[in-house]
Amino acid sequence: MDYKYIEQLLERYWKCETSLEEEEILRAFFSQKDVPASLLPYKDLFSYELSEKKQNVLGDDFDKRMLEMIDEPKPVKARTITMTHRLMPLFKAAAMVAIILTLGNAAQVAFYQEDEPAAVAGYQHQTDGISVAMSDSIVGDTLKQSNAEVTIQPIDANILK
């Protein structure tokens, strides 16, 4: 019998040019009992899948058994973190700053309170210092001077010499 087609398929198989259907033809051919002696070395390669039993190596309880063997705690599931939880440290810090500023302001009012009422003691306290408006260097009003008549005085001749 001529096995030229099978030999051509084998040559294409070694070059990785066969399709899945052609590989299935090779598996079917080598799964027979009567295989020529020249092609007998390839029989184990193609009939391996049929001779081996398909078995599930890992069962459904594999993870459980492995965790029991190594005594590891169960894996922690991920939690979703909301924006409120993420910003909670910022809220706490802002609250602490507000409390410190409020206490500092209350202490300042208590120390500077003289004869003034408590509600306005810290806010209407005036200091006696130099006022910018009082120390202005301009003596006259510029608008009043612009309405006055301009007089020109003669220049002394001795000054020019």
N, C-alpha and C. Protein backbone atom coordinates (compact mmCIF):
# COMPACT_ATOMS: atom_id res chain seq x y z
N MET A 1 0.84 -1.17 0.00
CA MET A 1 0.00 0.00 0.00
C MET A 1 0.89 1.24 0.00
N ASP A 2 0.46 2.28 -0.66
CA ASP A 2 1.25 3.49 -0.80
C ASP A 2 0.80 4.50 0.27
N TYR A 3 1.74 4.93 1.06
CA TYR A 3 1.46 5.88 2.14
C TYR A 3 2.10 7.24 1.84
N LYS A 4 2.11 7.57 0.55
CA LYS A 4 2.75 8.80 0.11
C LYS A 4 2.05 10.04 0.70
N TYR A 5 0.70 10.04 0.76
CA TYR A 5 -0.05 11.18 1.31
C TYR A 5 0.30 11.38 2.79
N ILE A 6 0.42 10.31 3.56
CA ILE A 6 0.76 10.40 4.98
C ILE A 6 2.18 10.93 5.13
N GLU A 7 3.09 10.49 4.28
CA GLU A 7 4.47 10.99 4.34
C GLU A 7 4.54 12.47 3.99
N GLN A 8 3.71 12.91 3.01
CA GLN A 8 3.66 14.34 2.68
C GLN A 8 3.10 15.15 3.85
N LEU A 9 2.06 14.61 4.50
CA LEU A 9 1.50 15.29 5.67
C LEU A 9 2.53 15.37 6.80
N LEU A 10 3.32 14.32 6.97
CA LEU A 10 4.36 14.35 8.00
C LEU A 10 5.42 15.41 7.69
N GLU A 11 5.82 15.49 6.41
CA GLU A 11 6.79 16.51 6.02
C GLU A 11 6.24 17.91 6.29
N ARG A 12 4.99 18.15 5.95
CA ARG A 12 4.36 19.46 6.21
C ARG A 12 4.19 19.69 7.70
N TYR A 13 3.94 18.61 8.46
CA TYR A 13 3.78 18.71 9.91
C TYR A 13 5.09 19.19 10.55
N TRP A 14 6.24 18.66 10.09
CA TRP A 14 7.53 19.06 10.66
C TRP A 14 7.88 20.49 10.30
N LYS A 15 7.33 20.99 9.19
CA LYS A 15 7.57 22.38 8.80
C LYS A 15 6.53 23.33 9.39
N CYS A 16 5.59 22.78 10.17
CA CYS A 16 4.52 23.56 10.82
C CYS A 16 3.62 24.23 9.77
N GLU A 17 3.28 23.49 8.73
CA GLU A 17 2.43 24.02 7.66
C GLU A 17 1.10 23.29 7.58
N THR A 18 0.80 22.37 8.48
CA THR A 18 -0.46 21.61 8.41
C THR A 18 -1.58 22.36 9.09
N SER A 19 -2.78 22.08 8.63
CA SER A 19 -3.96 22.66 9.27
C SER A 19 -4.43 21.70 10.37
N LEU A 20 -5.42 22.12 11.12
CA LEU A 20 -5.93 21.28 12.19
C LEU A 20 -6.58 20.01 11.63
N GLU A 21 -7.22 20.12 10.49
CA GLU A 21 -7.86 18.95 9.88
C GLU A 21 -6.81 17.93 9.44
N GLU A 22 -5.71 18.41 8.88
CA GLU A 22 -4.65 17.50 8.45
C GLU A 22 -3.98 16.81 9.65
N GLU A 23 -3.83 17.52 10.74
CA GLU A 23 -3.28 16.90 11.94
C GLU A 23 -4.24 15.85 12.50
N GLU A 24 -5.51 16.10 12.35
CA GLU A 24 -6.51 15.11 12.79
C GLU A 24 -6.43 13.86 11.92
N ILE A 25 -6.16 14.03 10.64
CA ILE A 25 -5.98 12.87 9.74
C ILE A 25 -4.78 12.05 10.20
N LEU A 26 -3.68 12.73 10.57
CA LEU A 26 -2.49 12.02 11.05
C LEU A 26 -2.80 11.26 12.35
N ARG A 27 -3.54 11.88 13.26
CA ARG A 27 -3.90 11.21 14.51
C ARG A 27 -4.76 9.97 14.24
N ALA A 28 -5.70 10.13 13.32
CA ALA A 28 -6.58 8.99 12.99
C ALA A 28 -5.78 7.87 12.34
N PHE A 29 -4.84 8.22 11.47
CA PHE A 29 -4.03 7.19 10.81
C PHE A 29 -3.17 6.43 11.83
N PHE A 30 -2.51 7.14 12.72
CA PHE A 30 -1.62 6.49 13.67
C PHE A 30 -2.35 5.83 14.84
N SER A 31 -3.64 6.04 14.96
CA SER A 31 -4.40 5.36 16.00
C SER A 31 -4.81 3.94 15.57
N GLN A 32 -4.58 3.57 14.30
CA GLN A 32 -4.87 2.21 13.82
C GLN A 32 -3.86 1.22 14.41
N LYS A 33 -4.23 -0.05 14.35
CA LYS A 33 -3.31 -1.09 14.84
C LYS A 33 -2.24 -1.41 13.81
N ASP A 34 -2.61 -1.38 12.54
CA ASP A 34 -1.66 -1.74 11.47
C ASP A 34 -1.04 -0.47 10.90
N VAL A 35 0.18 -0.19 11.32
CA VAL A 35 0.92 0.96 10.82
C VAL A 35 2.19 0.40 10.19
N PRO A 36 2.56 0.90 9.00
CA PRO A 36 3.77 0.38 8.36
C PRO A 36 5.01 0.59 9.24
N ALA A 37 5.98 -0.25 9.06
CA ALA A 37 7.19 -0.22 9.88
C ALA A 37 7.97 1.07 9.70
N SER A 38 7.91 1.67 8.49
CA SER A 38 8.65 2.91 8.25
C SER A 38 8.05 4.09 9.01
N LEU A 39 6.76 4.01 9.31
CA LEU A 39 6.09 5.11 10.02
C LEU A 39 5.85 4.79 11.49
N LEU A 40 6.26 3.62 11.94
CA LEU A 40 6.03 3.18 13.30
C LEU A 40 6.68 4.10 14.36
N PRO A 41 7.84 4.71 14.11
CA PRO A 41 8.42 5.60 15.15
C PRO A 41 7.55 6.82 15.46
N TYR A 42 6.68 7.21 14.56
CA TYR A 42 5.83 8.40 14.77
C TYR A 42 4.50 8.07 15.44
N LYS A 43 4.21 6.79 15.61
CA LYS A 43 2.91 6.38 16.14
C LYS A 43 2.70 6.90 17.56
N ASP A 44 3.71 6.81 18.40
CA ASP A 44 3.56 7.26 19.78
C ASP A 44 3.29 8.76 19.87
N LEU A 45 3.86 9.51 18.97
CA LEU A 45 3.67 10.96 18.97
C LEU A 45 2.21 11.34 18.71
N PHE A 46 1.57 10.67 17.76
CA PHE A 46 0.21 11.04 17.38
C PHE A 46 -0.88 10.29 18.15
N SER A 47 -0.55 9.14 18.71
CA SER A 47 -1.57 8.39 19.44
C SER A 47 -1.48 8.59 20.95
N TYR A 48 -0.64 9.46 21.38
CA TYR A 48 -0.45 9.71 22.80
C TYR A 48 -1.73 10.24 23.44
N GLU A 49 -2.39 11.17 22.79
CA GLU A 49 -3.60 11.77 23.36
C GLU A 49 -4.70 10.75 23.55
N LEU A 50 -4.80 9.81 22.64
CA LEU A 50 -5.86 8.81 22.74
C LEU A 50 -5.58 7.78 23.83
N SER A 51 -4.29 7.47 24.05
CA SER A 51 -3.97 6.44 25.03
C SER A 51 -4.04 6.97 26.47
N GLU A 52 -3.80 8.23 26.65
CA GLU A 52 -3.82 8.81 27.99
C GLU A 52 -5.25 9.17 28.38
N LYS A 53 -5.58 8.92 29.61
CA LYS A 53 -6.89 9.30 30.12
C LYS A 53 -6.87 10.79 30.44
N LYS A 54 -7.95 11.40 30.14
CA LYS A 54 -8.06 12.80 30.52
C LYS A 54 -8.58 12.84 31.94
N GLN A 55 -7.83 13.51 32.80
CA GLN A 55 -8.23 13.60 34.19
C GLN A 55 -8.02 15.03 34.68
N ASN A 56 -8.84 15.38 35.59
CA ASN A 56 -8.70 16.70 36.19
C ASN A 56 -7.67 16.61 37.29
N VAL A 57 -6.60 17.32 37.11
CA VAL A 57 -5.53 17.27 38.09
C VAL A 57 -5.93 18.06 39.34
N LEU A 58 -6.52 19.22 39.14
CA LEU A 58 -6.92 20.06 40.25
C LEU A 58 -8.43 19.94 40.46
N GLY A 59 -8.81 19.59 41.66
CA GLY A 59 -10.23 19.47 41.98
C GLY A 59 -10.79 20.80 42.44
N ASP A 60 -12.08 20.79 42.72
CA ASP A 60 -12.73 22.02 43.17
C ASP A 60 -12.25 22.44 44.56
N ASP A 61 -11.86 21.48 45.36
CA ASP A 61 -11.43 21.80 46.72
C ASP A 61 -9.91 21.91 46.85
N PHE A 62 -9.22 22.10 45.74
CA PHE A 62 -7.76 22.18 45.75
C PHE A 62 -7.27 23.36 46.59
N ASP A 63 -7.86 24.53 46.38
CA ASP A 63 -7.44 25.71 47.14
C ASP A 63 -7.65 25.51 48.63
N LYS A 64 -8.76 24.94 48.97
CA LYS A 64 -9.07 24.71 50.38
C LYS A 64 -8.06 23.75 51.01
N ARG A 65 -7.74 22.68 50.30
CA ARG A 65 -6.77 21.71 50.82
C ARG A 65 -5.39 22.32 50.95
N MET A 66 -4.98 23.13 49.99
CA MET A 66 -3.66 23.74 50.06
C MET A 66 -3.57 24.73 51.22
N LEU A 67 -4.62 25.52 51.43
CA LEU A 67 -4.61 26.47 52.54
C LEU A 67 -4.59 25.75 53.88
N GLU A 68 -5.26 24.61 53.97
CA GLU A 68 -5.22 23.83 55.20
C GLU A 68 -3.83 23.26 55.44
N MET A 69 -3.14 22.89 54.37
CA MET A 69 -1.80 22.32 54.52
C MET A 69 -0.78 23.35 54.98
N ILE A 70 -0.89 24.56 54.51
CA ILE A 70 0.12 25.56 54.85
C ILE A 70 -0.35 26.48 55.98
N ASP A 71 -1.55 26.30 56.46
CA ASP A 71 -2.10 27.08 57.58
C ASP A 71 -2.03 28.58 57.34
N GLU A 72 -2.34 28.99 56.17
CA GLU A 72 -2.39 30.41 55.84
C GLU A 72 -3.80 30.93 56.12
N PRO A 73 -3.90 32.20 56.49
CA PRO A 73 -5.24 32.77 56.65
C PRO A 73 -5.92 32.92 55.29
N LYS A 74 -7.21 33.00 55.33
CA LYS A 74 -7.96 33.14 54.09
C LYS A 74 -7.62 34.48 53.43
N PRO A 75 -7.63 34.53 52.12
CA PRO A 75 -7.30 35.79 51.45
C PRO A 75 -8.34 36.86 51.75
N VAL A 76 -7.85 38.07 51.88
CA VAL A 76 -8.73 39.19 52.20
C VAL A 76 -9.36 39.70 50.91
N LYS A 77 -10.65 39.90 50.97
CA LYS A 77 -11.35 40.42 49.79
C LYS A 77 -11.15 41.93 49.72
N ALA A 78 -11.12 42.44 48.52
CA ALA A 78 -10.92 43.87 48.30
C ALA A 78 -12.16 44.65 48.72
N ARG A 79 -11.92 45.82 49.31
CA ARG A 79 -13.02 46.69 49.70
C ARG A 79 -13.00 47.92 48.81
N THR A 80 -14.17 48.47 48.59
CA THR A 80 -14.24 49.72 47.84
C THR A 80 -14.11 50.87 48.84
N ILE A 81 -13.28 51.84 48.50
CA ILE A 81 -13.06 52.98 49.37
C ILE A 81 -13.73 54.19 48.72
N THR A 82 -14.67 54.78 49.43
CA THR A 82 -15.39 55.93 48.90
C THR A 82 -14.54 57.19 49.05
N MET A 83 -14.95 58.24 48.38
CA MET A 83 -14.22 59.50 48.44
C MET A 83 -14.27 60.08 49.85
N THR A 84 -15.36 59.87 50.57
CA THR A 84 -15.47 60.37 51.94
C THR A 84 -14.43 59.70 52.83
N HIS A 85 -14.27 58.39 52.70
CA HIS A 85 -13.27 57.68 53.49
C HIS A 85 -11.86 58.12 53.11
N ARG A 86 -11.66 58.42 51.85
CA ARG A 86 -10.35 58.83 51.38
C ARG A 86 -9.98 60.22 51.91
N LEU A 87 -10.97 61.10 52.05
CA LEU A 87 -10.71 62.47 52.50
C LEU A 87 -10.89 62.64 54.00
N MET A 88 -11.19 61.58 54.75
CA MET A 88 -11.42 61.68 56.18
C MET A 88 -10.22 62.26 56.93
N PRO A 89 -8.97 61.90 56.64
CA PRO A 89 -7.85 62.55 57.35
C PRO A 89 -7.79 64.06 57.10
N LEU A 90 -8.15 64.49 55.91
CA LEU A 90 -8.17 65.92 55.62
C LEU A 90 -9.24 66.63 56.43
N PHE A 91 -10.41 66.01 56.56
CA PHE A 91 -11.49 66.58 57.36
C PHE A 91 -11.06 66.69 58.82
N LYS A 92 -10.39 65.68 59.34
CA LYS A 92 -9.94 65.70 60.73
C LYS A 92 -8.92 66.81 60.94
N ALA A 93 -8.00 66.97 60.00
CA ALA A 93 -6.99 68.02 60.12
C ALA A 93 -7.64 69.40 60.07
N ALA A 94 -8.62 69.60 59.21
CA ALA A 94 -9.31 70.89 59.11
C ALA A 94 -10.06 71.18 60.41
N ALA A 95 -10.68 70.16 61.00
CA ALA A 95 -11.39 70.35 62.26
C ALA A 95 -10.42 70.73 63.37
N MET A 96 -9.24 70.12 63.41
CA MET A 96 -8.26 70.45 64.44
C MET A 96 -7.76 71.89 64.28
N VAL A 97 -7.53 72.32 63.05
CA VAL A 97 -7.08 73.69 62.81
C VAL A 97 -8.17 74.67 63.25
N ALA A 98 -9.42 74.37 62.94
CA ALA A 98 -10.53 75.25 63.35
C ALA A 98 -10.63 75.33 64.86
N ILE A 99 -10.46 74.21 65.55
CA ILE A 99 -10.53 74.21 67.02
C ILE A 99 -9.38 75.02 67.60
N ILE A 100 -8.18 74.86 67.08
CA ILE A 100 -7.02 75.60 67.61
C ILE A 100 -7.18 77.10 67.37
N LEU A 101 -7.65 77.47 66.19
CA LEU A 101 -7.86 78.90 65.91
C LEU A 101 -8.94 79.49 66.79
N THR A 102 -10.00 78.74 67.04
CA THR A 102 -11.08 79.22 67.91
C THR A 102 -10.59 79.40 69.33
N LEU A 103 -9.83 78.43 69.85
CA LEU A 103 -9.31 78.54 71.21
C LEU A 103 -8.30 79.68 71.33
N GLY A 104 -7.47 79.84 70.31
CA GLY A 104 -6.51 80.94 70.33
C GLY A 104 -7.19 82.29 70.30
N ASN A 105 -8.24 82.42 69.52
CA ASN A 105 -8.98 83.68 69.45
C ASN A 105 -9.68 83.96 70.77
N ALA A 106 -10.24 82.93 71.39
CA ALA A 106 -10.91 83.11 72.68
C ALA A 106 -9.91 83.50 73.75
N ALA A 107 -8.71 82.93 73.73
CA ALA A 107 -7.69 83.28 74.71
C ALA A 107 -7.21 84.71 74.49
N GLN A 108 -7.08 85.13 73.25
CA GLN A 108 -6.66 86.49 72.94
C GLN A 108 -7.68 87.50 73.45
N VAL A 109 -8.95 87.23 73.27
CA VAL A 109 -10.00 88.12 73.74
C VAL A 109 -9.98 88.19 75.27
N ALA A 110 -9.73 87.07 75.93
CA ALA A 110 -9.72 87.05 77.39
C ALA A 110 -8.54 87.85 77.95
N PHE A 111 -7.39 87.82 77.31
CA PHE A 111 -6.23 88.55 77.83
C PHE A 111 -6.30 90.04 77.54
N TYR A 112 -6.90 90.47 76.45
CA TYR A 112 -6.95 91.88 76.10
C TYR A 112 -8.24 92.57 76.54
N GLN A 113 -9.06 91.92 77.28
CA GLN A 113 -10.33 92.51 77.70
C GLN A 113 -10.07 93.45 78.86
N GLU A 114 -10.45 94.75 78.68
CA GLU A 114 -10.25 95.73 79.74
C GLU A 114 -11.62 96.16 80.25
N ASP A 115 -12.11 97.30 79.84
CA ASP A 115 -13.42 97.77 80.26
C ASP A 115 -14.45 97.62 79.16
N GLU A 116 -14.08 97.02 78.07
CA GLU A 116 -14.98 96.90 76.92
C GLU A 116 -15.87 95.67 77.08
N PRO A 117 -17.03 95.69 76.44
CA PRO A 117 -17.89 94.50 76.50
C PRO A 117 -17.18 93.30 75.84
N ALA A 118 -17.51 92.07 76.24
CA ALA A 118 -16.83 90.86 75.77
C ALA A 118 -17.07 90.61 74.29
N ALA A 119 -18.20 91.05 73.76
CA ALA A 119 -18.54 90.74 72.37
C ALA A 119 -17.65 91.49 71.39
N VAL A 120 -17.20 92.71 71.77
CA VAL A 120 -16.43 93.51 70.82
C VAL A 120 -15.04 93.84 71.34
N ALA A 121 -14.60 93.19 72.37
CA ALA A 121 -13.33 93.54 73.00
C ALA A 121 -12.14 93.34 72.06
N GLY A 122 -12.10 92.26 71.35
CA GLY A 122 -10.94 91.96 70.50
C GLY A 122 -11.00 92.61 69.14
N TYR A 123 -12.14 93.14 68.77
CA TYR A 123 -12.29 93.62 67.40
C TYR A 123 -12.25 95.13 67.26
N GLN A 124 -12.51 95.89 68.33
CA GLN A 124 -12.51 97.35 68.20
C GLN A 124 -11.41 97.98 69.03
N HIS A 125 -10.42 97.24 69.36
CA HIS A 125 -9.29 97.76 70.13
C HIS A 125 -8.41 98.58 69.19
N GLN A 126 -8.20 99.86 69.56
CA GLN A 126 -7.41 100.74 68.71
C GLN A 126 -6.03 100.93 69.31
N THR A 127 -5.07 100.99 68.44
CA THR A 127 -3.71 101.23 68.90
C THR A 127 -3.35 102.68 68.64
N ASP A 128 -2.54 103.24 69.51
CA ASP A 128 -2.07 104.62 69.33
C ASP A 128 -0.75 104.57 68.59
N GLY A 129 -0.80 104.82 67.33
CA GLY A 129 0.41 104.81 66.52
C GLY A 129 0.34 105.89 65.49
N ILE A 130 1.30 105.94 64.60
CA ILE A 130 1.34 106.95 63.56
C ILE A 130 0.33 106.57 62.50
N SER A 131 -0.55 107.50 62.21
CA SER A 131 -1.53 107.28 61.17
C SER A 131 -0.96 107.77 59.86
N VAL A 132 -1.19 107.04 58.83
CA VAL A 132 -0.67 107.42 57.52
C VAL A 132 -1.36 108.68 57.04
N ALA A 133 -2.63 108.81 57.31
CA ALA A 133 -3.36 109.99 56.85
C ALA A 133 -2.91 111.24 57.60
N MET A 134 -2.48 111.12 58.85
CA MET A 134 -2.08 112.28 59.63
C MET A 134 -0.68 112.74 59.25
N SER A 135 0.15 111.85 58.79
CA SER A 135 1.53 112.23 58.49
C SER A 135 1.75 112.46 57.01
N ASP A 136 0.74 112.94 56.32
CA ASP A 136 0.85 113.19 54.89
C ASP A 136 1.73 114.41 54.68
N SER A 137 2.59 114.36 53.68
CA SER A 137 3.54 115.45 53.45
C SER A 137 2.96 116.61 52.65
N ILE A 138 1.82 116.48 52.07
CA ILE A 138 1.23 117.55 51.26
C ILE A 138 0.51 118.50 52.20
N VAL A 139 0.88 119.75 52.12
CA VAL A 139 0.33 120.74 53.03
C VAL A 139 -0.95 121.35 52.47
N GLY A 140 -0.97 121.66 51.25
CA GLY A 140 -2.12 122.33 50.68
C GLY A 140 -2.93 121.42 49.78
N ASP A 141 -4.10 121.89 49.46
CA ASP A 141 -4.97 121.13 48.58
C ASP A 141 -4.65 121.53 47.14
N THR A 142 -4.43 120.61 46.27
CA THR A 142 -4.04 120.91 44.90
C THR A 142 -5.20 121.43 44.09
N LEU A 143 -6.43 121.10 44.43
CA LEU A 143 -7.57 121.60 43.67
C LEU A 143 -7.80 123.08 43.94
N LYS A 144 -7.59 123.53 45.15
CA LYS A 144 -7.78 124.95 45.47
C LYS A 144 -6.69 125.80 44.82
N GLN A 145 -5.50 125.26 44.71
CA GLN A 145 -4.41 126.01 44.09
C GLN A 145 -4.61 126.17 42.60
N SER A 146 -5.25 125.26 41.95
CA SER A 146 -5.44 125.36 40.51
C SER A 146 -6.41 126.47 40.15
N ASN A 147 -7.31 126.87 41.05
CA ASN A 147 -8.26 127.94 40.78
C ASN A 147 -7.67 129.32 41.08
N ALA A 148 -6.63 129.37 41.81
CA ALA A 148 -6.02 130.66 42.17
C ALA A 148 -5.28 131.24 40.96
N GLU A 149 -5.13 132.58 40.97
CA GLU A 149 -4.44 133.24 39.88
C GLU A 149 -2.94 133.02 40.01
N VAL A 150 -2.34 132.86 38.88
CA VAL A 150 -0.90 132.65 38.86
C VAL A 150 -0.24 134.01 38.67
N THR A 151 0.68 134.35 39.54
CA THR A 151 1.41 135.62 39.42
C THR A 151 2.85 135.32 39.07
N ILE A 152 3.37 136.09 38.15
CA ILE A 152 4.74 135.90 37.72
C ILE A 152 5.56 137.05 38.30
N GLN A 153 6.59 136.74 38.97
CA GLN A 153 7.46 137.75 39.56
C GLN A 153 8.69 137.91 38.67
N PRO A 154 9.18 139.10 38.56
CA PRO A 154 10.38 139.32 37.75
C PRO A 154 11.61 138.69 38.40
N ILE A 155 12.51 138.24 37.55
CA ILE A 155 13.72 137.59 38.04
C ILE A 155 14.79 138.65 38.24
N ASP A 156 15.49 138.52 39.28
CA ASP A 156 16.58 139.48 39.58
C ASP A 156 17.73 139.20 38.62
N ALA A 157 18.28 140.25 38.07
CA ALA A 157 19.34 140.12 37.07
C ALA A 157 20.62 139.65 37.70
N ASN A 158 20.86 139.89 38.95
CA ASN A 158 22.09 139.50 39.63
C ASN A 158 22.15 137.99 39.82
N ILE A 159 21.02 137.36 39.86
CA ILE A 159 20.98 135.93 40.10
C ILE A 159 21.44 135.20 38.84
N LEU A 160 21.13 135.72 37.66
CA LEU A 160 21.49 135.06 36.43
C LEU A 160 22.96 135.12 36.12
N LYS A 161 23.69 136.10 36.64
CA LYS A 161 25.09 136.25 36.32
C LYS A 161 25.94 135.29 37.02
